[in-house]
Amino acid sequence: MTEFVVVLVTVGSSKEGERLARALVEEQLAACVNRIKGIQSIYRWQGQVEQSEEELLVIKSRRDLFECVKKRVQELHSYSVPEIIALPIVDGNENYLRWLEEELTRKDK
């Protein structure tokens, strides 16, 4: 079975979330991206505790595409150190996983 991952990325605005999500799906690096608005993040940055409202992107992809996803997010992201975390999908609805595989098979190859 193909190894799928969920990649979590936070962004600073809805506009940025839309741009990243659309690029990843259009480029077949992600089969689907869920955008969760209104995330409150508290974190330490440059020695200070900060708080900001962000949007969370939940990106469904394949493990072997992660480096490409990471590179593309870094190219498009406004943060100097964006959160890009991959979590394995250990099991799931077989039909959904089959759909992921179909959507992540690049048609240009």
C-alpha atoms as a PDB file:
ATOM      1  CA  MET A   1       0.000   0.000   0.000  1.00  0.00           C
ATOM      2  CA  THR A   2       1.197   3.517  -0.766  1.00  0.00           C
ATOM      3  CA  GLU A   3       2.362   5.526   2.213  1.00  0.00           C
ATOM      4  CA  PHE A   4       0.132   8.583   2.628  1.00  0.00           C
ATOM      5  CA  VAL A   5       0.723  11.566   4.907  1.00  0.00           C
ATOM      6  CA  VAL A   6      -1.171  14.502   6.323  1.00  0.00           C
ATOM      7  CA  VAL A   7       0.936  17.657   6.246  1.00  0.00           C
ATOM      8  CA  LEU A   8       0.089  20.468   8.649  1.00  0.00           C
ATOM      9  CA  VAL A   9       0.969  24.038   7.681  1.00  0.00           C
ATOM     10  CA  THR A  10      -0.112  27.241   9.411  1.00  0.00           C
ATOM     11  CA  VAL A  11      -0.457  30.478   7.450  1.00  0.00           C
ATOM     12  CA  GLY A  12      -0.978  34.078   8.510  1.00  0.00           C
ATOM     13  CA  SER A  13      -3.965  34.923   6.334  1.00  0.00           C
ATOM     14  CA  SER A  14      -6.895  33.470   4.431  1.00  0.00           C
ATOM     15  CA  LYS A  15      -5.467  34.807   1.171  1.00  0.00           C
ATOM     16  CA  GLU A  16      -2.186  32.994   1.772  1.00  0.00           C
ATOM     17  CA  GLY A  17      -4.044  29.796   2.695  1.00  0.00           C
ATOM     18  CA  GLU A  18      -6.049  29.938  -0.540  1.00  0.00           C
ATOM     19  CA  ARG A  19      -2.908  30.532  -2.629  1.00  0.00           C
ATOM     20  CA  LEU A  20      -0.950  27.662  -1.072  1.00  0.00           C
ATOM     21  CA  ALA A  21      -3.870  25.206  -1.102  1.00  0.00           C
ATOM     22  CA  ARG A  22      -4.728  25.910  -4.726  1.00  0.00           C
ATOM     23  CA  ALA A  23      -1.096  25.624  -5.884  1.00  0.00           C
ATOM     24  CA  LEU A  24      -0.552  22.285  -4.127  1.00  0.00           C
ATOM     25  CA  VAL A  25      -3.733  20.740  -5.544  1.00  0.00           C
ATOM     26  CA  GLU A  26      -3.240  22.152  -9.047  1.00  0.00           C
ATOM     27  CA  GLU A  27       0.346  20.833  -9.105  1.00  0.00           C
ATOM     28  CA  GLN A  28      -0.862  17.407  -7.859  1.00  0.00           C
ATOM     29  CA  LEU A  29       1.306  17.591  -4.754  1.00  0.00           C
ATOM     30  CA  ALA A  30      -1.873  17.314  -2.675  1.00  0.00           C
ATOM     31  CA  ALA A  31      -5.139  15.539  -3.412  1.00  0.00           C
ATOM     32  CA  CYS A  32      -7.030  17.764  -0.985  1.00  0.00           C
ATOM     33  CA  VAL A  33      -6.298  20.658   1.362  1.00  0.00           C
ATOM     34  CA  ASN A  34      -8.672  21.541   4.203  1.00  0.00           C
ATOM     35  CA  ARG A  35      -8.454  25.122   5.439  1.00  0.00           C
ATOM     36  CA  ILE A  36      -9.352  25.633   9.100  1.00  0.00           C
ATOM     37  CA  LYS A  37      -9.807  29.292   9.968  1.00  0.00           C
ATOM     38  CA  GLY A  38      -9.517  30.973  13.336  1.00  0.00           C
ATOM     39  CA  ILE A  39      -6.609  29.037  14.840  1.00  0.00           C
ATOM     40  CA  GLN A  40      -5.100  30.850  17.840  1.00  0.00           C
ATOM     41  CA  SER A  41      -1.380  30.134  18.061  1.00  0.00           C
ATOM     42  CA  ILE A  42       0.803  30.894  21.078  1.00  0.00           C
ATOM     43  CA  TYR A  43       4.498  30.320  20.501  1.00  0.00           C
ATOM     44  CA  ARG A  44       7.974  31.512  21.389  1.00  0.00           C
ATOM     45  CA  TRP A  45       9.683  33.494  18.614  1.00  0.00           C
ATOM     46  CA  GLN A  46      13.015  35.272  18.945  1.00  0.00           C
ATOM     47  CA  GLY A  47      12.909  35.095  22.744  1.00  0.00           C
ATOM     48  CA  GLN A  48       9.371  36.459  23.103  1.00  0.00           C
ATOM     49  CA  VAL A  49       6.045  34.723  23.682  1.00  0.00           C
ATOM     50  CA  GLU A  50       3.814  35.679  20.762  1.00  0.00           C
ATOM     51  CA  GLN A  51       0.171  35.112  19.921  1.00  0.00           C
ATOM     52  CA  SER A  52      -1.470  35.312  16.516  1.00  0.00           C
ATOM     53  CA  GLU A  53      -4.522  34.220  14.606  1.00  0.00           C
ATOM     54  CA  GLU A  54      -3.671  31.821  11.801  1.00  0.00           C
ATOM     55  CA  GLU A  55      -5.271  29.405   9.390  1.00  0.00           C
ATOM     56  CA  LEU A  56      -4.341  25.712   9.494  1.00  0.00           C
ATOM     57  CA  LEU A  57      -3.895  23.816   6.238  1.00  0.00           C
ATOM     58  CA  VAL A  58      -4.467  20.047   6.433  1.00  0.00           C
ATOM     59  CA  ILE A  59      -2.797  18.681   3.306  1.00  0.00           C
ATOM     60  CA  LYS A  60      -3.346  15.095   2.125  1.00  0.00           C
ATOM     61  CA  SER A  61      -0.417  13.763   0.120  1.00  0.00           C
ATOM     62  CA  ARG A  62       2.011  10.862  -0.292  1.00  0.00           C
ATOM     63  CA  ARG A  63       5.187  10.347   1.714  1.00  0.00           C
ATOM     64  CA  ASP A  64       7.328  10.295  -1.448  1.00  0.00           C
ATOM     65  CA  LEU A  65       5.960  13.736  -2.412  1.00  0.00           C
ATOM     66  CA  PHE A  66       6.729  15.340   0.960  1.00  0.00           C
ATOM     67  CA  GLU A  67      10.022  16.959  -0.082  1.00  0.00           C
ATOM     68  CA  CYS A  68       8.284  18.555  -3.079  1.00  0.00           C
ATOM     69  CA  VAL A  69       5.394  19.721  -0.878  1.00  0.00           C
ATOM     70  CA  LYS A  70       7.841  21.176   1.642  1.00  0.00           C
ATOM     71  CA  LYS A  71       9.843  22.958  -1.051  1.00  0.00           C
ATOM     72  CA  ARG A  72       6.737  24.417  -2.671  1.00  0.00           C
ATOM     73  CA  VAL A  73       5.315  25.614   0.659  1.00  0.00           C
ATOM     74  CA  GLN A  74       8.641  27.274   1.493  1.00  0.00           C
ATOM     75  CA  GLU A  75       8.648  29.012  -1.904  1.00  0.00           C
ATOM     76  CA  LEU A  76       5.115  30.380  -1.466  1.00  0.00           C
ATOM     77  CA  HIS A  77       4.982  31.004   2.303  1.00  0.00           C
ATOM     78  CA  SER A  78       5.374  34.435   3.870  1.00  0.00           C
ATOM     79  CA  TYR A  79       6.976  33.131   7.098  1.00  0.00           C
ATOM     80  CA  SER A  80      10.755  32.782   7.285  1.00  0.00           C
ATOM     81  CA  VAL A  81      10.280  29.534   9.273  1.00  0.00           C
ATOM     82  CA  PRO A  82       6.925  28.019   8.266  1.00  0.00           C
ATOM     83  CA  GLU A  83       5.436  25.085  10.136  1.00  0.00           C
ATOM     84  CA  ILE A  84       5.534  22.072   7.801  1.00  0.00           C
ATOM     85  CA  ILE A  85       4.893  18.813   9.675  1.00  0.00           C
ATOM     86  CA  ALA A  86       4.084  15.448   8.097  1.00  0.00           C
ATOM     87  CA  LEU A  87       2.083  12.817   9.984  1.00  0.00           C
ATOM     88  CA  PRO A  88       1.602   9.295   8.631  1.00  0.00           C
ATOM     89  CA  ILE A  89      -1.835   8.017   7.714  1.00  0.00           C
ATOM     90  CA  VAL A  90      -1.753   4.540   9.231  1.00  0.00           C
ATOM     91  CA  ASP A  91      -5.154   3.387   7.987  1.00  0.00           C
ATOM     92  CA  GLY A  92      -8.288   4.707   6.356  1.00  0.00           C
ATOM     93  CA  ASN A  93     -11.296   4.173   4.147  1.00  0.00           C
ATOM     94  CA  GLU A  94      -9.968   2.075   1.245  1.00  0.00           C
ATOM     95  CA  ASN A  95     -12.020   3.986  -1.332  1.00  0.00           C
ATOM     96  CA  TYR A  96     -10.710   7.317  -0.009  1.00  0.00           C
ATOM     97  CA  LEU A  97      -7.110   6.085  -0.060  1.00  0.00           C
ATOM     98  CA  ARG A  98      -7.608   4.823  -3.610  1.00  0.00           C
ATOM     99  CA  TRP A  99      -8.921   8.270  -4.571  1.00  0.00           C
ATOM    100  CA  LEU A 100      -5.847   9.888  -2.963  1.00  0.00           C
ATOM    101  CA  GLU A 101      -3.598   7.661  -5.048  1.00  0.00           C
ATOM    102  CA  GLU A 102      -5.463   8.506  -8.259  1.00  0.00           C
ATOM    103  CA  GLU A 103      -5.343  12.254  -7.597  1.00  0.00           C
ATOM    104  CA  LEU A 104      -1.654  12.187  -6.700  1.00  0.00           C
ATOM    105  CA  THR A 105      -0.599  10.351  -9.835  1.00  0.00           C
ATOM    106  CA  ARG A 106       0.835  13.078 -12.021  1.00  0.00           C
ATOM    107  CA  LYS A 107      -0.777  13.041 -15.429  1.00  0.00           C
ATOM    108  CA  ASP A 108       2.243  14.693 -17.090  1.00  0.00           C
ATOM    109  CA  LYS A 109       4.601  11.761 -16.406  1.00  0.00           C
END
